């Protein structure tokens, strides 16, 4: 942080104004919209980070702005379909692997209930569908890109091995739910 000093009478220390942040000026409706979008999205990867970001946003608002946003949110109600969550340790391990580009070793149960044990997967990213979240990764067992529904992952370990650089797969120019993809890549 650059600090400037001016010697002599009337001098002192000051922080360089070019290195300070402007105040956050979210309106009550903007803050409520962000909170609503997070609540509407349901369980998702990095949801813990989203909640802490929202807390930081709210803490930066004025007391009157926080009160107005809370009042607005009290007048909005969401109806959610029941969603199965992957176990928190599984989700956090997959998030870490995607963020740090680390190879995963996982036990997985496919859509027919068939298990594979100690499967090595190079994570490429996440895809969200209407009700579920999927890990997209290069499966070393299958030698190609595969999609893994997060709630079907059993044991998972983030290895120390870095994933090689791979381009995320093109999804026909759009992000499609896994059931719309070619069945060969959906496990």
N, C-alpha and C. Protein backbone atom coordinates (compact mmCIF):
# COMPACT_ATOMS: atom_id res chain seq x y z
N UNK A 1 0.85 -1.16 0.00
CA UNK A 1 0.00 0.00 0.00
C UNK A 1 0.90 1.23 0.00
N UNK A 2 0.84 2.05 -1.01
CA UNK A 2 1.67 3.25 -1.05
C UNK A 2 1.22 4.27 -0.01
N UNK A 3 2.16 4.69 0.81
CA UNK A 3 1.90 5.72 1.83
C UNK A 3 2.82 6.89 1.53
N UNK A 4 2.25 8.09 1.51
CA UNK A 4 3.02 9.30 1.24
C UNK A 4 3.25 10.05 2.54
N UNK A 5 4.44 10.61 2.67
CA UNK A 5 4.77 11.42 3.84
C UNK A 5 5.13 12.82 3.38
N UNK A 6 4.61 13.79 4.09
CA UNK A 6 4.94 15.19 3.83
C UNK A 6 5.62 15.72 5.10
N UNK A 7 6.91 16.06 5.00
CA UNK A 7 7.61 16.52 6.20
C UNK A 7 7.25 17.97 6.55
N UNK A 8 7.56 18.32 7.78
CA UNK A 8 7.41 19.71 8.21
C UNK A 8 6.06 20.01 8.79
N UNK A 9 5.85 21.33 9.17
CA UNK A 9 4.58 21.75 9.76
C UNK A 9 3.45 21.55 8.76
N UNK A 10 2.35 20.99 9.24
CA UNK A 10 1.20 20.73 8.37
C UNK A 10 1.36 19.45 7.56
N UNK A 11 2.49 18.78 7.72
CA UNK A 11 2.73 17.53 6.99
C UNK A 11 2.08 16.35 7.69
N UNK A 12 2.39 15.20 7.23
CA UNK A 12 1.84 13.98 7.83
C UNK A 12 1.89 12.85 6.84
N UNK A 13 1.16 11.81 7.15
CA UNK A 13 1.11 10.61 6.32
C UNK A 13 -0.26 10.49 5.67
N UNK A 14 -0.27 9.95 4.45
CA UNK A 14 -1.55 9.74 3.75
C UNK A 14 -1.40 8.52 2.84
N UNK A 15 -2.51 7.86 2.61
CA UNK A 15 -2.55 6.72 1.68
C UNK A 15 -2.84 7.27 0.29
N UNK A 16 -2.12 6.76 -0.70
CA UNK A 16 -2.31 7.20 -2.08
C UNK A 16 -3.77 6.96 -2.48
N UNK A 17 -4.52 7.99 -2.83
CA UNK A 17 -5.94 7.83 -3.17
C UNK A 17 -6.17 6.92 -4.39
N UNK A 18 -5.16 6.77 -5.22
CA UNK A 18 -5.30 5.88 -6.39
C UNK A 18 -5.36 4.42 -6.01
N UNK A 19 -5.05 4.09 -4.77
CA UNK A 19 -5.04 2.70 -4.31
C UNK A 19 -6.14 2.41 -3.30
N UNK A 20 -7.16 3.21 -3.27
CA UNK A 20 -8.29 2.94 -2.39
C UNK A 20 -9.48 2.55 -3.25
N UNK A 21 -10.41 1.87 -2.63
CA UNK A 21 -11.61 1.43 -3.34
C UNK A 21 -12.74 2.43 -3.16
N UNK A 22 -13.53 2.66 -4.19
CA UNK A 22 -14.69 3.53 -4.01
C UNK A 22 -15.72 2.81 -3.13
N UNK A 23 -16.59 3.53 -2.48
CA UNK A 23 -17.60 2.88 -1.63
C UNK A 23 -18.58 2.08 -2.50
N UNK A 24 -19.07 0.98 -1.92
CA UNK A 24 -20.10 0.20 -2.60
C UNK A 24 -21.43 0.91 -2.41
N UNK A 25 -22.10 1.18 -3.48
CA UNK A 25 -23.37 1.88 -3.41
C UNK A 25 -24.47 1.04 -4.03
N UNK A 26 -24.75 -0.11 -3.42
CA UNK A 26 -25.84 -0.95 -3.90
C UNK A 26 -27.15 -0.41 -3.38
N UNK A 27 -28.15 -0.39 -4.24
CA UNK A 27 -29.49 -0.03 -3.79
C UNK A 27 -30.09 -1.24 -3.09
N UNK A 28 -31.18 -1.00 -2.38
CA UNK A 28 -31.87 -2.10 -1.70
C UNK A 28 -32.33 -3.15 -2.71
N UNK A 29 -32.82 -2.71 -3.86
CA UNK A 29 -33.30 -3.68 -4.85
C UNK A 29 -32.15 -4.45 -5.49
N UNK A 30 -30.98 -3.82 -5.66
CA UNK A 30 -29.82 -4.53 -6.20
C UNK A 30 -29.34 -5.60 -5.22
N UNK A 31 -29.24 -5.23 -3.95
CA UNK A 31 -28.81 -6.20 -2.93
C UNK A 31 -29.83 -7.33 -2.81
N UNK A 32 -31.11 -7.01 -2.83
CA UNK A 32 -32.15 -8.03 -2.75
C UNK A 32 -32.11 -8.94 -3.97
N UNK A 33 -31.84 -8.38 -5.14
CA UNK A 33 -31.77 -9.18 -6.36
C UNK A 33 -30.61 -10.18 -6.29
N UNK A 34 -29.48 -9.76 -5.75
CA UNK A 34 -28.35 -10.67 -5.62
C UNK A 34 -28.68 -11.78 -4.62
N UNK A 35 -29.26 -11.41 -3.48
CA UNK A 35 -29.64 -12.42 -2.49
C UNK A 35 -30.67 -13.39 -3.06
N UNK A 36 -31.61 -12.86 -3.81
CA UNK A 36 -32.65 -13.69 -4.42
C UNK A 36 -32.06 -14.64 -5.47
N UNK A 37 -31.14 -14.14 -6.28
CA UNK A 37 -30.50 -14.99 -7.29
C UNK A 37 -29.73 -16.14 -6.63
N UNK A 38 -29.05 -15.85 -5.54
CA UNK A 38 -28.32 -16.90 -4.83
C UNK A 38 -29.28 -17.92 -4.23
N UNK A 39 -30.37 -17.44 -3.65
CA UNK A 39 -31.35 -18.36 -3.06
C UNK A 39 -32.03 -19.18 -4.15
N UNK A 40 -32.32 -18.57 -5.27
CA UNK A 40 -33.01 -19.24 -6.38
C UNK A 40 -32.14 -20.30 -7.01
N UNK A 41 -30.83 -20.08 -7.02
CA UNK A 41 -29.94 -21.03 -7.68
C UNK A 41 -29.86 -22.34 -6.93
N UNK A 42 -30.18 -22.35 -5.65
CA UNK A 42 -30.14 -23.58 -4.87
C UNK A 42 -28.72 -24.03 -4.63
N UNK A 43 -28.56 -25.29 -4.24
CA UNK A 43 -27.23 -25.82 -3.98
C UNK A 43 -26.39 -25.76 -5.25
N UNK A 44 -25.14 -25.33 -5.11
CA UNK A 44 -24.27 -25.20 -6.28
C UNK A 44 -22.81 -25.22 -5.84
N UNK A 45 -21.91 -25.46 -6.78
CA UNK A 45 -20.49 -25.35 -6.43
C UNK A 45 -20.17 -23.92 -6.01
N UNK A 46 -19.26 -23.79 -5.07
CA UNK A 46 -18.81 -22.51 -4.55
C UNK A 46 -19.94 -21.73 -3.87
N UNK A 47 -20.97 -22.42 -3.38
CA UNK A 47 -22.06 -21.71 -2.71
C UNK A 47 -21.59 -21.07 -1.40
N UNK A 48 -20.60 -21.65 -0.75
CA UNK A 48 -20.04 -21.03 0.45
C UNK A 48 -19.39 -19.70 0.13
N UNK A 49 -18.66 -19.65 -0.97
CA UNK A 49 -18.03 -18.39 -1.40
C UNK A 49 -19.10 -17.37 -1.78
N UNK A 50 -20.18 -17.81 -2.39
CA UNK A 50 -21.27 -16.89 -2.75
C UNK A 50 -21.90 -16.29 -1.50
N UNK A 51 -22.09 -17.11 -0.46
CA UNK A 51 -22.68 -16.60 0.79
C UNK A 51 -21.75 -15.58 1.46
N UNK A 52 -20.45 -15.86 1.50
CA UNK A 52 -19.54 -14.89 2.13
C UNK A 52 -19.47 -13.60 1.33
N UNK A 53 -19.55 -13.71 0.00
CA UNK A 53 -19.57 -12.49 -0.83
C UNK A 53 -20.82 -11.67 -0.53
N UNK A 54 -21.95 -12.33 -0.36
CA UNK A 54 -23.19 -11.61 -0.04
C UNK A 54 -23.07 -10.94 1.33
N UNK A 55 -22.48 -11.63 2.30
CA UNK A 55 -22.29 -11.03 3.63
C UNK A 55 -21.40 -9.79 3.55
N UNK A 56 -20.36 -9.84 2.72
CA UNK A 56 -19.48 -8.68 2.55
C UNK A 56 -20.23 -7.52 1.91
N UNK A 57 -21.07 -7.83 0.92
CA UNK A 57 -21.86 -6.80 0.27
C UNK A 57 -22.80 -6.13 1.27
N UNK A 58 -23.48 -6.94 2.06
CA UNK A 58 -24.43 -6.40 3.03
C UNK A 58 -23.69 -5.57 4.09
N UNK A 59 -22.52 -6.05 4.52
CA UNK A 59 -21.76 -5.30 5.53
C UNK A 59 -21.31 -3.93 5.02
N UNK A 60 -21.12 -3.80 3.71
CA UNK A 60 -20.67 -2.54 3.13
C UNK A 60 -21.82 -1.55 2.91
N UNK A 61 -23.06 -2.03 3.04
CA UNK A 61 -24.21 -1.15 2.83
C UNK A 61 -24.48 -0.31 4.06
N UNK A 62 -25.18 0.77 3.86
CA UNK A 62 -25.61 1.60 5.00
C UNK A 62 -26.68 0.83 5.78
N UNK A 63 -26.89 1.26 7.03
CA UNK A 63 -27.91 0.62 7.86
C UNK A 63 -29.29 0.75 7.22
N UNK A 64 -29.58 1.91 6.65
CA UNK A 64 -30.88 2.13 5.99
C UNK A 64 -31.01 1.22 4.77
N UNK A 65 -29.93 1.06 4.01
CA UNK A 65 -29.95 0.18 2.84
C UNK A 65 -30.18 -1.27 3.22
N UNK A 66 -29.51 -1.72 4.31
CA UNK A 66 -29.71 -3.09 4.79
C UNK A 66 -31.15 -3.32 5.22
N UNK A 67 -31.71 -2.34 5.92
CA UNK A 67 -33.10 -2.45 6.39
C UNK A 67 -34.05 -2.50 5.20
N UNK A 68 -33.84 -1.66 4.21
CA UNK A 68 -34.71 -1.65 3.02
C UNK A 68 -34.61 -2.96 2.25
N UNK A 69 -33.39 -3.49 2.11
CA UNK A 69 -33.22 -4.77 1.41
C UNK A 69 -33.90 -5.90 2.16
N UNK A 70 -33.76 -5.92 3.49
CA UNK A 70 -34.41 -6.96 4.31
C UNK A 70 -35.93 -6.86 4.20
N UNK A 71 -36.45 -5.64 4.20
CA UNK A 71 -37.89 -5.43 4.06
C UNK A 71 -38.38 -5.95 2.71
N UNK A 72 -37.64 -5.64 1.67
CA UNK A 72 -38.01 -6.11 0.33
C UNK A 72 -37.98 -7.64 0.25
N UNK A 73 -36.92 -8.25 0.79
CA UNK A 73 -36.80 -9.71 0.75
C UNK A 73 -37.89 -10.40 1.56
N UNK A 74 -38.38 -9.75 2.61
CA UNK A 74 -39.45 -10.33 3.42
C UNK A 74 -40.75 -10.45 2.63
N UNK A 75 -40.85 -9.71 1.52
CA UNK A 75 -42.06 -9.74 0.70
C UNK A 75 -41.92 -10.63 -0.53
N UNK A 76 -40.84 -11.40 -0.59
CA UNK A 76 -40.61 -12.32 -1.73
C UNK A 76 -40.44 -13.72 -1.18
N UNK A 77 -41.14 -14.69 -1.76
CA UNK A 77 -41.07 -16.08 -1.29
C UNK A 77 -40.75 -16.98 -2.47
N UNK A 78 -39.85 -17.93 -2.23
CA UNK A 78 -39.46 -18.89 -3.26
C UNK A 78 -39.99 -20.27 -2.90
N UNK A 79 -40.46 -20.99 -3.89
CA UNK A 79 -40.87 -22.37 -3.71
C UNK A 79 -39.83 -23.23 -4.43
N UNK A 80 -39.19 -24.12 -3.69
CA UNK A 80 -38.14 -24.96 -4.28
C UNK A 80 -38.60 -26.40 -4.39
N UNK A 81 -38.19 -27.05 -5.47
CA UNK A 81 -38.34 -28.49 -5.55
C UNK A 81 -37.25 -29.09 -4.68
N UNK A 82 -37.54 -30.23 -4.06
CA UNK A 82 -36.53 -30.87 -3.21
C UNK A 82 -35.36 -31.31 -4.08
N UNK A 83 -34.16 -30.95 -3.66
CA UNK A 83 -32.96 -31.32 -4.40
C UNK A 83 -32.05 -32.12 -3.49
N UNK A 84 -31.45 -33.16 -4.06
CA UNK A 84 -30.47 -33.91 -3.29
C UNK A 84 -29.13 -33.23 -3.41
N UNK A 85 -28.51 -33.06 -2.29
CA UNK A 85 -27.19 -32.45 -2.27
C UNK A 85 -26.12 -33.52 -2.19
N UNK A 86 -25.00 -33.29 -2.87
CA UNK A 86 -23.88 -34.18 -2.62
C UNK A 86 -23.39 -33.90 -1.20
N UNK A 87 -22.74 -34.89 -0.61
CA UNK A 87 -22.19 -34.68 0.73
C UNK A 87 -21.24 -33.50 0.70
N UNK A 88 -21.28 -32.67 1.75
CA UNK A 88 -20.46 -31.45 1.79
C UNK A 88 -18.98 -31.75 1.56
N UNK A 89 -18.39 -32.80 2.16
CA UNK A 89 -16.96 -33.06 1.89
C UNK A 89 -16.69 -33.38 0.42
N UNK A 90 -17.63 -34.06 -0.23
CA UNK A 90 -17.47 -34.37 -1.66
C UNK A 90 -17.48 -33.08 -2.47
N UNK A 91 -18.48 -32.25 -2.24
CA UNK A 91 -18.59 -31.00 -2.99
C UNK A 91 -17.37 -30.11 -2.77
N UNK A 92 -16.92 -29.97 -1.53
CA UNK A 92 -15.76 -29.12 -1.24
C UNK A 92 -14.49 -29.67 -1.89
N UNK A 93 -14.32 -31.00 -1.91
CA UNK A 93 -13.14 -31.60 -2.53
C UNK A 93 -13.15 -31.36 -4.05
N UNK A 94 -14.32 -31.51 -4.67
CA UNK A 94 -14.42 -31.28 -6.12
C UNK A 94 -14.18 -29.80 -6.43
N UNK A 95 -14.74 -28.90 -5.62
CA UNK A 95 -14.48 -27.46 -5.81
C UNK A 95 -12.98 -27.18 -5.75
N UNK A 96 -12.31 -27.75 -4.74
CA UNK A 96 -10.87 -27.54 -4.58
C UNK A 96 -10.11 -28.04 -5.80
N UNK A 97 -10.47 -29.22 -6.30
CA UNK A 97 -9.78 -29.80 -7.45
C UNK A 97 -9.97 -28.94 -8.70
N UNK A 98 -11.18 -28.41 -8.91
CA UNK A 98 -11.43 -27.54 -10.07
C UNK A 98 -10.64 -26.25 -9.92
N UNK A 99 -10.67 -25.66 -8.74
CA UNK A 99 -9.99 -24.40 -8.49
C UNK A 99 -8.47 -24.54 -8.63
N UNK A 100 -7.91 -25.62 -8.09
CA UNK A 100 -6.45 -25.81 -8.09
C UNK A 100 -5.94 -26.65 -9.26
N UNK A 101 -6.86 -27.12 -10.12
CA UNK A 101 -6.50 -27.96 -11.26
C UNK A 101 -5.73 -29.20 -10.80
N UNK A 102 -6.34 -29.93 -9.85
CA UNK A 102 -5.75 -31.16 -9.30
C UNK A 102 -6.56 -32.37 -9.74
N UNK A 103 -5.89 -33.47 -9.97
CA UNK A 103 -6.55 -34.72 -10.36
C UNK A 103 -7.33 -35.26 -9.17
N UNK A 104 -8.53 -35.77 -9.46
CA UNK A 104 -9.37 -36.39 -8.44
C UNK A 104 -9.27 -37.91 -8.54
N UNK A 105 -9.35 -38.56 -7.42
CA UNK A 105 -9.52 -40.01 -7.36
C UNK A 105 -10.87 -40.21 -6.70
N UNK A 106 -11.83 -40.80 -7.41
CA UNK A 106 -13.18 -40.88 -6.86
C UNK A 106 -13.83 -42.23 -7.09
N UNK A 107 -14.74 -42.54 -6.20
CA UNK A 107 -15.63 -43.68 -6.38
C UNK A 107 -16.93 -43.10 -6.93
N UNK A 108 -17.47 -43.75 -7.97
CA UNK A 108 -18.63 -43.19 -8.66
C UNK A 108 -19.63 -44.28 -8.96
N UNK A 109 -20.91 -43.93 -8.86
CA UNK A 109 -22.01 -44.83 -9.18
C UNK A 109 -22.74 -44.24 -10.39
N UNK A 110 -22.78 -44.98 -11.51
CA UNK A 110 -23.41 -44.44 -12.72
C UNK A 110 -24.93 -44.46 -12.60
N UNK A 111 -25.62 -44.03 -13.67
CA UNK A 111 -27.08 -43.91 -13.62
C UNK A 111 -27.78 -45.25 -13.44
N UNK A 112 -27.07 -46.34 -13.70
CA UNK A 112 -27.64 -47.68 -13.51
C UNK A 112 -27.26 -48.27 -12.16
N UNK A 113 -26.50 -47.51 -11.37
CA UNK A 113 -26.08 -47.98 -10.06
C UNK A 113 -24.78 -48.76 -10.06
N UNK A 114 -24.13 -48.90 -11.22
CA UNK A 114 -22.87 -49.63 -11.31
C UNK A 114 -21.72 -48.78 -10.76
N UNK A 115 -20.95 -49.34 -9.82
CA UNK A 115 -19.87 -48.55 -9.22
C UNK A 115 -18.54 -48.70 -9.96
N UNK A 116 -17.73 -47.65 -9.91
CA UNK A 116 -16.32 -47.73 -10.27
C UNK A 116 -15.56 -47.16 -9.08
N UNK A 117 -14.43 -47.77 -8.79
CA UNK A 117 -13.66 -47.39 -7.61
C UNK A 117 -12.32 -46.80 -8.03
N UNK A 118 -11.88 -45.77 -7.32
CA UNK A 118 -10.58 -45.13 -7.52
C UNK A 118 -10.40 -44.66 -8.97
N UNK A 119 -11.42 -44.05 -9.50
CA UNK A 119 -11.40 -43.52 -10.87
C UNK A 119 -10.63 -42.20 -10.88
N UNK A 120 -9.68 -42.05 -11.77
CA UNK A 120 -8.89 -40.82 -11.88
C UNK A 120 -9.54 -39.89 -12.89
N UNK A 121 -9.83 -38.68 -12.44
CA UNK A 121 -10.52 -37.69 -13.27
C UNK A 121 -9.79 -36.37 -13.19
N UNK A 122 -9.53 -35.76 -14.35
CA UNK A 122 -8.95 -34.42 -14.43
C UNK A 122 -10.11 -33.45 -14.57
N UNK A 123 -10.42 -32.68 -13.52
CA UNK A 123 -11.60 -31.80 -13.57
C UNK A 123 -11.43 -30.65 -14.56
N UNK A 124 -12.47 -30.42 -15.35
CA UNK A 124 -12.48 -29.32 -16.31
C UNK A 124 -13.43 -28.20 -15.89
N UNK A 125 -14.47 -28.53 -15.13
CA UNK A 125 -15.41 -27.51 -14.69
C UNK A 125 -16.72 -28.11 -14.24
N UNK A 126 -17.71 -27.25 -14.08
CA UNK A 126 -19.04 -27.65 -13.61
C UNK A 126 -20.09 -27.30 -14.65
N UNK A 127 -21.16 -28.06 -14.66
CA UNK A 127 -22.34 -27.76 -15.47
C UNK A 127 -23.54 -27.93 -14.56
N UNK A 128 -24.43 -26.94 -14.58
CA UNK A 128 -25.65 -27.02 -13.80
C UNK A 128 -26.83 -27.29 -14.70
N UNK A 129 -27.67 -28.22 -14.29
CA UNK A 129 -28.92 -28.51 -14.99
C UNK A 129 -30.07 -28.04 -14.10
N UNK A 130 -31.28 -28.33 -14.47
CA UNK A 130 -32.43 -27.84 -13.71
C UNK A 130 -32.37 -28.26 -12.25
N UNK A 131 -32.02 -29.50 -12.00
CA UNK A 131 -32.06 -30.01 -10.62
C UNK A 131 -30.70 -30.46 -10.09
N UNK A 132 -29.74 -30.69 -10.94
CA UNK A 132 -28.49 -31.30 -10.50
C UNK A 132 -27.28 -30.53 -11.01
N UNK A 133 -26.14 -30.75 -10.34
CA UNK A 133 -24.86 -30.22 -10.76
C UNK A 133 -23.96 -31.37 -11.16
N UNK A 134 -23.14 -31.12 -12.19
CA UNK A 134 -22.26 -32.15 -12.75
C UNK A 134 -20.83 -31.64 -12.79
N UNK A 135 -19.91 -32.57 -12.59
CA UNK A 135 -18.50 -32.32 -12.81
C UNK A 135 -18.18 -32.76 -14.23
N UNK A 136 -17.58 -31.89 -15.01
CA UNK A 136 -17.11 -32.26 -16.35
C UNK A 136 -15.61 -32.50 -16.19
N UNK A 137 -15.16 -33.67 -16.66
CA UNK A 137 -13.75 -33.96 -16.50
C UNK A 137 -13.24 -34.96 -17.53
N UNK A 138 -11.92 -35.00 -17.65
CA UNK A 138 -11.27 -35.99 -18.51
C UNK A 138 -11.11 -37.24 -17.67
N UNK A 139 -11.81 -38.30 -18.06
CA UNK A 139 -11.76 -39.55 -17.33
C UNK A 139 -10.62 -40.40 -17.89
N UNK A 140 -9.67 -40.73 -17.04
CA UNK A 140 -8.54 -41.55 -17.50
C UNK A 140 -8.96 -42.99 -17.75
N UNK A 141 -9.97 -43.46 -17.05
CA UNK A 141 -10.47 -44.81 -17.27
C UNK A 141 -11.08 -44.95 -18.67
N UNK A 142 -11.86 -43.98 -19.09
CA UNK A 142 -12.54 -44.01 -20.39
C UNK A 142 -11.74 -43.33 -21.50
N UNK A 143 -10.72 -42.56 -21.13
CA UNK A 143 -9.90 -41.90 -22.13
C UNK A 143 -10.63 -40.78 -22.87
N UNK A 144 -11.51 -40.08 -22.17
CA UNK A 144 -12.24 -38.99 -22.81
C UNK A 144 -13.00 -38.16 -21.80
N UNK A 145 -13.69 -37.14 -22.32
CA UNK A 145 -14.49 -36.26 -21.47
C UNK A 145 -15.72 -37.02 -21.01
N UNK A 146 -16.00 -36.91 -19.72
CA UNK A 146 -17.18 -37.52 -19.14
C UNK A 146 -17.82 -36.52 -18.19
N UNK A 147 -19.08 -36.76 -17.87
CA UNK A 147 -19.85 -35.90 -16.97
C UNK A 147 -20.26 -36.75 -15.78
N UNK A 148 -20.00 -36.25 -14.57
CA UNK A 148 -20.28 -36.99 -13.35
C UNK A 148 -21.25 -36.20 -12.48
N UNK A 149 -22.41 -36.78 -12.21
CA UNK A 149 -23.37 -36.10 -11.35
C UNK A 149 -22.80 -36.07 -9.94
N UNK A 150 -22.78 -34.90 -9.33
CA UNK A 150 -22.11 -34.73 -8.04
C UNK A 150 -22.68 -35.61 -6.94
N UNK A 151 -23.99 -35.82 -6.94
CA UNK A 151 -24.57 -36.62 -5.86
C UNK A 151 -24.34 -38.12 -6.03
N UNK A 152 -23.70 -38.53 -7.12
CA UNK A 152 -23.34 -39.94 -7.32
C UNK A 152 -21.88 -40.23 -7.01
N UNK A 153 -21.15 -39.19 -6.61
CA UNK A 153 -19.75 -39.38 -6.23
C UNK A 153 -19.73 -39.82 -4.78
N UNK A 154 -19.05 -40.94 -4.53
CA UNK A 154 -18.91 -41.44 -3.16
C UNK A 154 -17.66 -40.86 -2.55
N UNK A 155 -16.69 -41.70 -2.32
CA UNK A 155 -15.42 -41.24 -1.77
C UNK A 155 -14.71 -40.41 -2.83
N UNK A 156 -14.04 -39.34 -2.38
CA UNK A 156 -13.27 -38.52 -3.31
C UNK A 156 -12.02 -38.04 -2.60
N UNK A 157 -10.93 -38.01 -3.35
CA UNK A 157 -9.66 -37.52 -2.83
C UNK A 157 -9.04 -36.58 -3.85
N UNK A 158 -8.60 -35.43 -3.39
CA UNK A 158 -7.87 -34.51 -4.25
C UNK A 158 -6.42 -34.92 -4.17
N UNK A 159 -5.85 -35.33 -5.30
CA UNK A 159 -4.46 -35.79 -5.30
C UNK A 159 -3.53 -34.58 -5.41
N UNK A 160 -2.26 -34.83 -5.20
CA UNK A 160 -1.25 -33.77 -5.34
C UNK A 160 -0.90 -33.54 -6.81
N UNK A 161 -1.34 -34.44 -7.69
CA UNK A 161 -0.99 -34.34 -9.12
C UNK A 161 -1.77 -33.22 -9.79
N UNK A 162 -1.06 -32.36 -10.50
CA UNK A 162 -1.70 -31.28 -11.27
C UNK A 162 -2.30 -31.86 -12.54
N UNK A 163 -3.46 -31.35 -12.91
CA UNK A 163 -4.10 -31.77 -14.16
C UNK A 163 -3.37 -31.12 -15.33
N UNK A 164 -3.16 -31.85 -16.41
CA UNK A 164 -2.59 -31.20 -17.59
C UNK A 164 -3.58 -30.18 -18.15
N UNK A 165 -3.06 -29.19 -18.84
CA UNK A 165 -3.94 -28.18 -19.44
C UNK A 165 -4.76 -28.82 -20.54
N UNK A 166 -6.07 -28.72 -20.42
CA UNK A 166 -7.01 -29.22 -21.44
C UNK A 166 -8.07 -28.15 -21.64
N UNK A 167 -8.49 -28.00 -22.84
CA UNK A 167 -9.58 -27.07 -23.12
C UNK A 167 -10.90 -27.69 -22.66
N UNK A 168 -11.75 -26.92 -22.01
CA UNK A 168 -13.08 -27.45 -21.68
C UNK A 168 -13.80 -27.82 -22.97
N UNK A 169 -14.62 -28.86 -22.93
CA UNK A 169 -15.30 -29.29 -24.15
C UNK A 169 -16.30 -28.25 -24.63
N UNK A 170 -16.44 -28.14 -25.94
CA UNK A 170 -17.46 -27.27 -26.52
C UNK A 170 -18.79 -27.99 -26.40
N UNK A 171 -19.79 -27.28 -25.97
CA UNK A 171 -21.10 -27.87 -25.78
C UNK A 171 -22.06 -27.31 -26.81
N UNK A 172 -21.68 -27.44 -28.06
CA UNK A 172 -22.50 -26.94 -29.17
C UNK A 172 -22.85 -25.47 -29.01
N UNK A 173 -21.90 -24.69 -28.46
CA UNK A 173 -22.11 -23.27 -28.33
C UNK A 173 -23.02 -22.86 -27.20
N UNK A 174 -23.51 -23.82 -26.43
CA UNK A 174 -24.38 -23.47 -25.32
C UNK A 174 -24.19 -24.46 -24.19
N UNK A 175 -24.65 -24.11 -23.04
CA UNK A 175 -24.54 -24.99 -21.88
C UNK A 175 -25.84 -25.78 -21.80
N UNK A 176 -25.76 -27.07 -22.04
CA UNK A 176 -26.95 -27.90 -22.08
C UNK A 176 -27.00 -28.83 -20.88
N UNK A 177 -28.20 -29.18 -20.41
CA UNK A 177 -28.28 -30.18 -19.35
C UNK A 177 -27.70 -31.49 -19.83
N UNK A 178 -27.16 -32.27 -18.92
CA UNK A 178 -26.46 -33.50 -19.28
C UNK A 178 -27.35 -34.46 -20.08
N UNK A 179 -28.63 -34.50 -19.82
CA UNK A 179 -29.50 -35.46 -20.54
C UNK A 179 -29.62 -35.11 -22.02
N UNK A 180 -29.25 -33.88 -22.41
CA UNK A 180 -29.31 -33.47 -23.80
C UNK A 180 -28.02 -33.79 -24.56
N UNK A 181 -26.97 -34.15 -23.83
CA UNK A 181 -25.71 -34.42 -24.49
C UNK A 181 -25.71 -35.80 -25.11
N UNK A 182 -24.76 -36.01 -25.95
CA UNK A 182 -24.59 -37.32 -26.55
C UNK A 182 -24.38 -38.33 -25.41
N UNK A 183 -25.13 -39.45 -25.42
CA UNK A 183 -25.06 -40.39 -24.30
C UNK A 183 -23.67 -41.00 -24.08
N UNK A 184 -22.80 -40.94 -25.05
CA UNK A 184 -21.49 -41.55 -24.88
C UNK A 184 -20.64 -40.85 -23.84
N UNK A 185 -20.92 -39.57 -23.57
CA UNK A 185 -20.06 -38.89 -22.60
C UNK A 185 -20.68 -38.77 -21.23
N UNK A 186 -21.93 -39.18 -21.06
CA UNK A 186 -22.58 -39.07 -19.74
C UNK A 186 -22.43 -40.38 -19.02
N UNK A 187 -21.78 -40.36 -17.87
CA UNK A 187 -21.64 -41.56 -17.05
C UNK A 187 -22.72 -41.60 -16.00
